Amino acid sequence: MAYVLDQLRGMEVERVTLFADPQVVGFYQAQGWDLEPLQRRCAFWYAP
């Protein structure tokens, strides 16, 4: 995940919205992604 985020920063991407199966959303949260308010399927990443 760190590699992917580094590549996105290098391309000057400022935010990403990710849709995932509910059982793996916790993985993205553990990687620092913000979850949607209901914490079901969507996670958000914002460049620091």
C-alpha atoms as a PDB file:
ATOM      1  CA  MET A   1       0.000   0.000   0.000  1.00  0.00           C
ATOM      2  CA  ALA A   2       2.867   2.378   0.802  1.00  0.00           C
ATOM      3  CA  TYR A   3       4.242   1.919  -2.726  1.00  0.00           C
ATOM      4  CA  VAL A   4       0.878   2.723  -4.299  1.00  0.00           C
ATOM      5  CA  LEU A   5       0.444   5.858  -2.184  1.00  0.00           C
ATOM      6  CA  ASP A   6       3.986   6.996  -2.987  1.00  0.00           C
ATOM      7  CA  GLN A   7       3.217   6.612  -6.693  1.00  0.00           C
ATOM      8  CA  LEU A   8       0.022   8.611  -6.322  1.00  0.00           C
ATOM      9  CA  ARG A   9       1.880  11.408  -4.524  1.00  0.00           C
ATOM     10  CA  GLY A  10       4.464  11.386  -7.315  1.00  0.00           C
ATOM     11  CA  MET A  11       1.665  11.907  -9.826  1.00  0.00           C
ATOM     12  CA  GLU A  12       0.350  14.770  -7.670  1.00  0.00           C
ATOM     13  CA  VAL A  13      -2.889  12.934  -6.895  1.00  0.00           C
ATOM     14  CA  GLU A  14      -4.441  14.641  -3.890  1.00  0.00           C
ATOM     15  CA  ARG A  15      -7.253  12.257  -2.987  1.00  0.00           C
ATOM     16  CA  VAL A  16      -8.548   8.793  -3.741  1.00  0.00           C
ATOM     17  CA  THR A  17     -11.930   7.211  -3.114  1.00  0.00           C
ATOM     18  CA  LEU A  18     -11.858   3.448  -2.829  1.00  0.00           C
ATOM     19  CA  PHE A  19     -14.789   1.030  -2.841  1.00  0.00           C
ATOM     20  CA  ALA A  20     -14.072  -2.342  -1.237  1.00  0.00           C
ATOM     21  CA  ASP A  21     -15.885  -5.395   0.029  1.00  0.00           C
ATOM     22  CA  PRO A  22     -17.027  -4.820   3.612  1.00  0.00           C
ATOM     23  CA  GLN A  23     -14.765  -7.544   5.019  1.00  0.00           C
ATOM     24  CA  VAL A  24     -11.578  -5.784   3.828  1.00  0.00           C
ATOM     25  CA  VAL A  25     -12.430  -2.171   4.668  1.00  0.00           C
ATOM     26  CA  GLY A  26     -10.598  -2.581   8.000  1.00  0.00           C
ATOM     27  CA  PHE A  27      -7.361  -3.230   6.075  1.00  0.00           C
ATOM     28  CA  TYR A  28      -7.559   0.196   4.486  1.00  0.00           C
ATOM     29  CA  GLN A  29      -8.430   1.833   7.796  1.00  0.00           C
ATOM     30  CA  ALA A  30      -5.314   0.238   9.310  1.00  0.00           C
ATOM     31  CA  GLN A  31      -3.304   1.786   6.447  1.00  0.00           C
ATOM     32  CA  GLY A  32      -4.492   5.269   7.414  1.00  0.00           C
ATOM     33  CA  TRP A  33      -7.462   5.637   5.089  1.00  0.00           C
ATOM     34  CA  ASP A  34     -10.540   7.453   6.398  1.00  0.00           C
ATOM     35  CA  LEU A  35     -13.737   5.436   6.269  1.00  0.00           C
ATOM     36  CA  GLU A  36     -17.158   6.624   5.166  1.00  0.00           C
ATOM     37  CA  PRO A  37     -19.432   7.549   8.081  1.00  0.00           C
ATOM     38  CA  LEU A  38     -21.203   4.157   8.018  1.00  0.00           C
ATOM     39  CA  GLN A  39     -17.875   2.282   7.593  1.00  0.00           C
ATOM     40  CA  ARG A  40     -19.323  -0.145   5.063  1.00  0.00           C
ATOM     41  CA  ARG A  41     -17.614  -0.086   1.685  1.00  0.00           C
ATOM     42  CA  CYS A  42     -15.846   3.173   1.047  1.00  0.00           C
ATOM     43  CA  ALA A  43     -12.511   4.599   2.188  1.00  0.00           C
ATOM     44  CA  PHE A  44     -10.802   7.878   1.406  1.00  0.00           C
ATOM     45  CA  TRP A  45      -7.153   8.860   1.195  1.00  0.00           C
ATOM     46  CA  TYR A  46      -5.938  12.442   1.138  1.00  0.00           C
ATOM     47  CA  ALA A  47      -2.360  13.429   0.355  1.00  0.00           C
ATOM     48  CA  PRO A  48      -0.564  14.918   3.356  1.00  0.00           C
END
